[in-house]
Protein backbone atom coordinates (compact mmCIF):
# COMPACT_ATOMS: atom_id res chain seq x y z
CA MET A 1 -24.18 44.94 -64.56
CA SER A 2 -21.39 47.51 -64.79
CA HIS A 3 -19.59 48.77 -67.89
CA THR A 4 -16.21 50.45 -68.28
CA LEU A 5 -15.87 53.31 -70.75
CA ARG A 6 -12.69 54.01 -72.73
CA SER A 7 -11.99 56.87 -70.35
CA GLY A 8 -11.82 54.33 -67.53
CA ALA A 9 -15.03 55.52 -65.90
CA VAL A 10 -17.28 52.75 -64.63
CA TYR A 11 -21.06 53.03 -64.65
CA ASN A 12 -23.89 50.71 -63.70
CA SER A 13 -26.41 50.09 -66.43
CA SER A 14 -30.12 49.99 -65.72
CA PRO A 15 -31.72 46.61 -65.08
CA PRO A 16 -32.96 44.78 -68.18
CA ARG A 17 -36.36 45.91 -69.39
CA ARG A 18 -39.19 43.54 -68.57
CA SER A 19 -40.50 41.57 -71.51
CA ARG A 20 -43.61 42.86 -73.25
CA VAL A 21 -46.75 40.96 -72.35
CA GLN A 22 -48.94 40.40 -75.37
CA GLY A 23 -52.60 41.29 -75.02
CA PRO A 24 -55.25 38.77 -75.96
CA ASN A 25 -56.27 38.69 -79.62
CA VAL A 26 -59.72 40.19 -79.25
CA ILE A 27 -61.75 42.58 -81.34
CA HIS A 28 -63.04 44.98 -78.71
CA LYS A 29 -61.46 45.56 -75.36
CA ARG A 30 -63.17 48.64 -73.89
CA ASP A 31 -66.03 50.79 -75.26
CA TYR A 32 -66.69 54.53 -74.85
CA ILE A 33 -69.76 56.46 -76.04
CA VAL A 34 -68.51 59.67 -77.64
CA SER A 35 -70.96 62.54 -77.14
CA ASN A 36 -70.90 66.27 -76.43
CA ASN A 37 -70.55 65.81 -72.69
CA SER A 38 -68.32 62.73 -72.52
CA ASP A 39 -64.61 62.75 -71.95
CA ILE A 40 -62.29 60.58 -73.99
CA PRO A 41 -59.47 59.47 -71.68
CA LEU A 42 -56.39 61.67 -72.16
CA GLY A 43 -54.19 58.59 -72.40
CA LEU A 44 -55.96 57.60 -75.62
CA VAL A 45 -56.10 61.15 -76.99
CA ARG A 46 -52.34 61.53 -76.55
CA GLU A 47 -51.38 58.33 -78.39
CA LYS A 48 -49.74 58.89 -81.78
CA VAL A 49 -51.61 57.33 -84.69
CA ALA A 50 -49.59 55.36 -87.26
CA SER A 51 -52.40 54.53 -89.70
CA CYS A 52 -56.03 55.26 -90.41
CA ARG A 53 -58.18 52.73 -92.30
CA LEU A 54 -61.78 52.67 -93.44
CA GLU A 55 -62.98 49.06 -93.27
CA PHE A 56 -66.13 47.63 -94.82
CA LEU A 57 -67.43 44.70 -92.79
CA ASP A 58 -69.69 41.83 -93.81
CA VAL A 59 -72.38 41.62 -91.13
CA GLY A 60 -74.46 38.84 -92.66
CA PRO A 61 -76.90 38.05 -95.45
CA ILE A 62 -79.78 40.39 -96.30
CA ASP A 63 -82.11 37.38 -96.31
CA GLU A 64 -81.68 35.98 -92.79
CA GLU A 65 -83.40 32.74 -93.86
CA ASP A 66 -80.65 32.04 -96.43
CA PRO A 67 -77.10 32.22 -94.97
CA ASP A 68 -75.64 31.73 -98.48
CA ASP A 69 -77.48 34.78 -99.87
CA PRO A 70 -74.95 36.59 -102.13
CA ASN A 71 -76.53 39.95 -101.17
CA ARG A 72 -74.88 40.98 -97.91
CA ASN A 73 -75.47 43.60 -95.25
CA ASN A 74 -72.38 45.68 -94.57
CA HIS A 75 -71.13 48.14 -92.00
CA THR A 76 -68.25 50.62 -92.06
CA ILE A 77 -65.77 51.42 -89.28
CA LEU A 78 -62.84 53.81 -89.01
CA ARG A 79 -59.80 52.15 -87.42
CA LEU A 80 -56.94 54.21 -85.98
CA THR A 81 -53.85 52.12 -85.21
CA PHE A 82 -51.38 53.55 -82.70
CA LEU A 83 -47.69 53.93 -83.46
CA ARG A 84 -46.98 51.41 -80.69
CA GLN A 85 -49.18 49.09 -78.66
CA LEU A 86 -49.78 49.88 -75.00
CA ASP A 87 -47.26 48.07 -72.80
CA ASP A 88 -49.11 48.62 -69.54
CA ASP A 89 -52.58 47.91 -68.23
CA THR A 90 -54.31 51.27 -67.61
CA LEU A 91 -57.69 52.47 -66.42
CA TYR A 92 -58.64 53.49 -69.96
CA ALA A 93 -57.23 50.57 -72.00
CA PRO A 94 -55.87 47.10 -71.25
CA ILE A 95 -52.33 45.95 -71.97
CA GLY A 96 -51.70 45.15 -75.64
CA THR A 97 -54.18 47.73 -76.99
CA ARG A 98 -53.24 48.51 -80.63
CA GLY A 99 -55.64 51.39 -81.32
CA VAL A 100 -59.26 52.54 -81.43
CA ILE A 101 -62.22 51.89 -83.70
CA LEU A 102 -64.80 54.61 -84.35
CA ASP A 103 -68.19 53.09 -85.09
CA LEU A 104 -71.44 54.95 -85.77
CA GLU A 105 -74.24 52.71 -84.53
CA GLY A 106 -77.79 53.51 -85.58
CA MET A 107 -80.75 53.12 -83.26
CA GLU A 108 -84.47 53.32 -83.86
CA ALA A 109 -86.31 55.66 -81.52
CA PRO A 110 -89.85 54.83 -80.30
CA ASN A 111 -91.36 57.66 -82.37
CA GLY A 112 -90.07 56.13 -85.62
CA THR A 113 -87.07 58.41 -86.08
CA ASN A 114 -83.49 57.19 -86.36
CA SER A 115 -80.60 58.38 -84.28
CA SER A 116 -77.08 57.13 -83.79
CA LEU A 117 -74.29 56.90 -81.25
CA LEU A 118 -70.59 57.26 -81.97
CA ILE A 119 -68.85 54.41 -80.16
CA MET A 120 -65.10 54.38 -79.66
CA SER A 121 -63.68 50.94 -78.85
CA THR A 122 -60.12 49.92 -78.11
CA PHE A 123 -58.79 46.88 -79.96
CA GLY A 124 -55.86 44.52 -79.62
CA TYR A 125 -55.41 42.63 -82.89
CA GLU A 126 -53.10 42.91 -85.88
CA GLY A 127 -54.28 43.22 -89.46
CA LEU A 128 -57.78 43.73 -90.80
CA HIS A 129 -61.00 43.12 -88.90
CA GLN A 130 -62.04 39.46 -89.11
CA LEU A 131 -65.24 40.45 -90.97
CA ALA A 132 -63.54 42.89 -93.39
CA LEU A 133 -64.66 42.70 -97.03
CA HIS A 134 -62.54 45.64 -98.14
CA SER A 135 -60.19 48.13 -96.50
CA VAL A 136 -58.89 51.52 -97.62
CA GLU A 137 -55.93 53.33 -96.04
CA LEU A 138 -56.72 57.03 -95.58
CA PRO A 139 -53.86 59.53 -95.89
CA MET A 140 -52.96 61.40 -92.71
CA GLY A 141 -50.90 64.41 -91.78
CA ARG A 142 -49.01 66.07 -94.61
CA GLU A 143 -50.15 63.54 -97.19
CA THR A 144 -52.77 64.97 -99.55
CA LEU A 145 -55.82 63.36 -101.06
CA CYS A 146 -55.26 65.02 -104.43
CA ARG A 147 -52.01 64.67 -106.32
CA ASN A 148 -50.90 67.13 -108.97
C-alpha cells in the first residue's frame, strides 16, 4: 500500500505485521538448572522485567491421608514477568513466554544431608500461579523498600 505525503512524495508502507500467536496457557514451558557452570540463555537474560512477585503456593495437606486437612504444605517461588511476551518461537523459550520462575527445590542426599537446586522455568500464563495462596509484589529498580 502506498501513501502520499503533503509534500507530494509517495512512499510504500511496510506490509502489515503478522498477528501475534498466543502461546498455550501452561505453567512451565522450559526448565533450566542454574548452577555455577551453567549458562542461562542470553535471550532470557536480555529480556526487560516488568514485575517481580514472591508467590506462596499451596502444595497439599500436611496429612496426606486427609485432603481436607486445614494445615497445608507450602512452597515459595519468585516470578519475573517480562515487559512483553515473546512473539517468536526460539531455542531457549517457546512463543508466548511471559517470563521466568525461580524455584529452589530441595533434595535429600543419600548420606542424610539436604541440598537444593535452583531451577529457572519459563512460563506462559497471565495472573497468579494456579496454586497461589498469597502473592507479594517486590519493588524493583529505583523503588526503595524503606520509605521516609
